[in-house]
Amino acid sequence: MEYELILLAAGQGKRMNASKNKVLLHLLGEHVIEYALNLFVSDANCKQIILVAKAAECEELQQMIAKNKHYRVAPIKVVAGGDERQDSVYNGLYHVQDPSRIVMIHDGARPFIEQEFVQRLYQKAIETGAAILGVPVKDTIKKVENGVVVETVSREHLWQIQTPQAFQFDLIMKAHQKAKMDGFFGTDDASLVEYYGAPVYMVGGSYDNIKLTTPDDMVIAEAILSQRKKWRGRK
């Protein structure tokens, strides 16, 4: 089987305190969004990338793509997103070319996804119909009400969820349609599948696969990239 990717780049990014969309910020010489594009364009199983962007930024992203010969390997379609993340994914689903394929959904602000984890996720989605990446929670988690700790939550079954997330097209489309009809909003696509009533399976990811949200994350991102370049240089 093959898959198509919905790559999300329509977020507000208010916590980044930047003058532009965080996926268009530069990170050691490349736009943040290019790190994910580079990886998925290089994957022979990825047959189309649907880049969902703010309507006002579609042209800028199209120009960025046109300048890079590497991006001509796989079809990249830039489409306008919606008001919320969930709306943007829903818009992207209508541009999937082949409904028999797996659909992956990835945050453009996660530049450090690696091929190893994409392949594991892809295989799990083929087997089960719905698979997500995540890592076990490491910090102590407490439930707080009105500024007072009321409970220390056991970490035994808690996972921090990442993207990409991968689904059979028919399943994720029906999940989005039901959520839209019921007025249900989830914080990720897997939560819509859960709401729909289908099981979602976990695939272990990497703690490096962070989402760039604040200026501090950009500092961490530069450190991760620098370390990776040093490691590759030793091979």
Protein backbone atom coordinates (compact mmCIF):
# COMPACT_ATOMS: atom_id res chain seq x y z
CA MET A 1 0.00 0.00 0.00
CA GLU A 2 0.90 3.67 -0.32
CA TYR A 3 -0.04 6.77 1.61
CA GLU A 4 -0.85 10.42 1.12
CA LEU A 5 0.21 13.10 3.59
CA ILE A 6 -1.76 16.03 4.94
CA LEU A 7 0.89 18.46 6.17
CA LEU A 8 -0.55 21.20 8.37
CA ALA A 9 0.84 24.72 8.09
CA ALA A 10 -2.19 26.89 8.84
CA GLY A 11 -1.73 27.38 12.58
CA GLN A 12 -1.81 30.72 14.37
CA GLY A 13 1.42 30.24 16.34
CA LYS A 14 0.64 33.07 18.78
CA ARG A 15 2.91 31.69 21.51
CA MET A 16 5.93 31.92 19.19
CA ASN A 17 5.75 35.75 19.35
CA ALA A 18 6.94 35.93 15.73
CA SER A 19 5.92 38.29 12.94
CA LYS A 20 5.16 35.35 10.61
CA ASN A 21 3.84 31.81 10.68
CA LYS A 22 6.25 29.66 12.68
CA VAL A 23 6.57 27.10 9.86
CA LEU A 24 8.03 29.89 7.71
CA LEU A 25 10.66 30.83 10.27
CA HIS A 26 14.24 29.89 9.43
CA LEU A 27 15.93 27.10 11.35
CA LEU A 28 19.63 26.77 10.53
CA GLY A 29 19.16 27.90 6.94
CA GLU A 30 15.85 26.28 6.02
CA HIS A 31 12.21 27.05 6.69
CA VAL A 32 10.80 24.95 9.52
CA ILE A 33 8.26 23.38 7.14
CA GLU A 34 11.03 22.24 4.78
CA TYR A 35 12.40 19.70 7.24
CA ALA A 36 9.16 17.71 7.12
CA LEU A 37 8.80 18.25 3.37
CA ASN A 38 12.32 16.95 2.76
CA LEU A 39 11.63 13.74 4.65
CA PHE A 40 8.27 12.90 3.10
CA VAL A 41 9.30 13.81 -0.45
CA SER A 42 12.12 11.28 -0.08
CA ASP A 43 9.73 8.48 0.93
CA ALA A 44 8.76 6.34 -2.08
CA ASN A 45 5.53 5.31 -0.30
CA CYS A 46 4.34 8.93 -0.12
CA LYS A 47 2.39 9.57 -3.32
CA GLN A 48 1.03 13.04 -2.62
CA ILE A 49 1.61 15.81 -0.09
CA ILE A 50 -1.37 18.04 0.65
CA LEU A 51 0.08 21.15 2.27
CA VAL A 52 -2.71 22.94 4.13
CA ALA A 53 -1.92 26.60 4.71
CA LYS A 54 -3.51 29.91 5.56
CA ALA A 55 -5.14 31.35 2.44
CA ALA A 56 -2.91 34.44 2.69
CA GLU A 57 0.25 32.28 2.76
CA CYS A 58 -0.56 29.78 0.00
CA GLU A 59 1.27 31.78 -2.67
CA GLU A 60 4.40 32.17 -0.53
CA LEU A 61 4.50 28.43 0.11
CA GLN A 62 3.93 27.65 -3.57
CA GLN A 63 6.88 29.88 -4.47
CA MET A 64 9.07 28.18 -1.86
CA ILE A 65 8.18 24.77 -3.30
CA ALA A 66 8.76 25.89 -6.90
CA LYS A 67 12.31 27.02 -6.06
CA ASN A 68 13.35 23.60 -4.77
CA LYS A 69 13.97 20.99 -7.49
CA HIS A 70 13.90 18.28 -4.83
CA TYR A 71 10.17 18.89 -4.35
CA ARG A 72 9.34 17.90 -7.93
CA VAL A 73 9.78 14.22 -7.05
CA ALA A 74 6.36 13.91 -5.38
CA PRO A 75 3.21 15.94 -6.14
CA ILE A 76 2.73 18.72 -3.60
CA LYS A 77 -0.63 20.47 -3.57
CA VAL A 78 -1.07 23.66 -1.52
CA VAL A 79 -4.64 24.19 -0.30
CA ALA A 80 -6.29 26.68 2.03
CA GLY A 81 -7.04 25.61 5.59
CA GLY A 82 -9.91 26.44 7.92
CA ASP A 83 -10.37 28.41 11.12
CA GLU A 84 -9.28 25.53 13.37
CA ARG A 85 -6.82 22.66 12.98
CA GLN A 86 -9.70 20.21 12.69
CA ASP A 87 -11.22 22.26 9.86
CA SER A 88 -7.87 22.30 8.05
CA VAL A 89 -7.53 18.52 8.18
CA TYR A 90 -11.12 18.14 6.96
CA ASN A 91 -10.36 20.43 4.01
CA GLY A 92 -7.23 18.43 3.25
CA LEU A 93 -9.10 15.13 3.21
CA TYR A 94 -11.12 16.29 0.22
CA HIS A 95 -7.90 16.54 -1.81
CA VAL A 96 -6.82 12.92 -1.25
CA GLN A 97 -6.42 11.32 -4.69
CA ASP A 98 -6.84 7.63 -3.88
CA PRO A 99 -9.19 6.60 -1.02
CA SER A 100 -7.62 3.14 -0.90
CA ARG A 101 -4.42 4.67 0.49
CA ILE A 102 -3.44 5.33 4.08
CA VAL A 103 -3.67 9.01 5.06
CA MET A 104 -0.98 10.46 7.32
CA ILE A 105 -1.53 13.77 9.11
CA HIS A 106 1.49 15.70 10.37
CA ASP A 107 2.09 19.04 12.04
CA GLY A 108 4.38 21.21 9.92
CA ALA A 109 5.85 22.58 13.15
CA ARG A 110 7.37 19.16 13.97
CA PRO A 111 10.60 19.22 11.93
CA PHE A 112 12.32 16.23 13.56
CA ILE A 113 10.20 13.28 12.51
CA GLU A 114 12.44 10.46 11.25
CA GLN A 115 11.91 7.89 8.50
CA GLU A 116 12.23 4.99 10.92
CA PHE A 117 9.13 6.10 12.83
CA VAL A 118 7.17 6.98 9.69
CA GLN A 119 7.68 3.42 8.43
CA ARG A 120 6.65 1.85 11.74
CA LEU A 121 3.55 4.02 11.83
CA TYR A 122 2.71 3.23 8.21
CA GLN A 123 2.93 -0.53 8.80
CA LYS A 124 0.80 -0.32 11.94
CA ALA A 125 -1.86 1.70 10.11
CA ILE A 126 -1.98 -0.92 7.34
CA GLU A 127 -2.48 -3.62 9.98
CA THR A 128 -5.01 -1.81 12.19
CA GLY A 129 -6.54 1.14 10.31
CA ALA A 130 -5.55 3.74 12.91
CA ALA A 131 -2.11 4.33 14.43
CA ILE A 132 -0.42 7.21 16.23
CA LEU A 133 3.05 8.08 17.48
CA GLY A 134 3.79 8.86 21.09
CA VAL A 135 6.25 8.59 23.95
CA PRO A 136 5.68 7.66 27.61
CA VAL A 137 5.29 10.64 29.93
CA LYS A 138 8.47 11.15 31.99
CA ASP A 139 7.52 13.98 34.35
CA THR A 140 5.32 13.65 37.42
CA ILE A 141 1.76 14.65 36.50
CA LYS A 142 -0.59 16.29 39.02
CA LYS A 143 -4.24 17.24 38.73
CA VAL A 144 -4.79 20.81 39.94
CA GLU A 145 -8.05 22.61 40.72
CA ASN A 146 -8.14 26.32 41.59
CA GLY A 147 -4.38 26.30 42.12
CA VAL A 148 -4.47 23.38 44.56
CA VAL A 149 -3.06 19.92 43.85
CA VAL A 150 -5.86 17.39 44.25
CA GLU A 151 -4.21 14.28 42.84
CA THR A 152 -0.92 12.85 41.62
CA VAL A 153 -1.77 10.94 38.46
CA SER A 154 -0.09 7.60 37.80
CA ARG A 155 2.20 7.78 34.77
CA GLU A 156 1.89 4.06 34.07
CA HIS A 157 -0.64 4.46 31.26
CA LEU A 158 0.07 8.05 30.16
CA TRP A 159 1.62 8.83 26.79
CA GLN A 160 2.51 12.12 25.17
CA ILE A 161 1.01 12.07 21.68
CA GLN A 162 2.80 13.28 18.55
CA THR A 163 2.33 13.36 14.80
CA PRO A 164 2.23 11.97 12.20
CA GLN A 165 -0.94 10.01 12.81
CA ALA A 166 -2.05 7.50 10.19
CA PHE A 167 -5.47 6.16 9.23
CA GLN A 168 -7.40 4.35 6.56
CA PHE A 169 -9.00 7.10 4.48
CA ASP A 170 -12.57 5.89 4.93
CA LEU A 171 -12.18 5.74 8.72
CA ILE A 172 -10.68 9.19 9.21
CA MET A 173 -13.15 10.78 6.79
CA LYS A 174 -16.14 9.23 8.58
CA ALA A 175 -14.68 10.27 11.95
CA HIS A 176 -14.32 13.87 10.79
CA GLN A 177 -17.81 13.89 9.30
CA LYS A 178 -19.36 12.59 12.54
CA ALA A 179 -17.41 15.13 14.61
CA LYS A 180 -18.57 17.93 12.33
CA MET A 181 -22.18 16.77 12.47
CA ASP A 182 -22.11 16.45 16.29
CA GLY A 183 -20.13 19.65 16.92
CA PHE A 184 -17.33 17.66 18.56
CA PHE A 185 -13.84 19.18 18.62
CA GLY A 186 -10.80 17.10 19.50
CA THR A 187 -7.21 18.13 20.12
CA ASP A 188 -5.91 15.65 17.55
CA ASP A 189 -7.27 13.43 14.80
CA ALA A 190 -7.02 10.27 16.88
CA SER A 191 -9.50 11.75 19.36
CA LEU A 192 -12.06 11.99 16.53
CA VAL A 193 -11.52 8.32 15.68
CA GLU A 194 -11.94 7.47 19.37
CA TYR A 195 -15.16 9.51 19.42
CA TYR A 196 -16.31 7.64 16.31
CA GLY A 197 -15.83 4.42 18.27
CA ALA A 198 -12.86 2.81 16.52
CA PRO A 199 -9.68 1.62 18.27
CA VAL A 200 -6.45 3.57 17.84
CA TYR A 201 -3.08 1.84 18.20
CA MET A 202 0.12 3.29 19.64
CA VAL A 203 3.57 3.24 18.04
CA GLY A 204 6.55 4.32 20.12
CA GLY A 205 8.14 7.52 18.87
CA SER A 206 11.12 9.73 19.69
CA TYR A 207 11.45 12.43 22.35
CA ASP A 208 13.20 14.54 19.69
CA ASN A 209 9.94 14.83 17.73
CA ILE A 210 8.93 18.07 19.44
CA LYS A 211 6.41 20.61 18.22
CA LEU A 212 7.82 24.12 17.91
CA THR A 213 5.46 26.30 19.93
CA THR A 214 7.49 28.93 21.83
CA PRO A 215 10.79 30.79 21.24
CA ASP A 216 12.45 28.39 23.69
CA ASP A 217 11.55 25.52 21.37
CA MET A 218 13.52 27.16 18.56
CA VAL A 219 16.63 27.13 20.77
CA ILE A 220 16.06 23.44 21.54
CA ALA A 221 15.50 22.76 17.84
CA GLU A 222 18.82 24.33 16.88
CA ALA A 223 20.55 22.18 19.49
CA ILE A 224 18.90 19.00 18.15
CA LEU A 225 19.89 19.86 14.58
CA SER A 226 23.46 20.71 15.54
CA GLN A 227 23.81 17.42 17.42
CA ARG A 228 22.41 15.46 14.47
CA LYS A 229 24.85 17.10 12.07
CA LYS A 230 27.76 16.20 14.37
CA TRP A 231 26.52 12.62 14.65
CA ARG A 232 26.15 12.25 10.87
CA GLY A 233 29.60 13.71 10.39
CA ARG A 234 31.10 10.90 12.46
CA LYS A 235 29.59 8.16 10.29
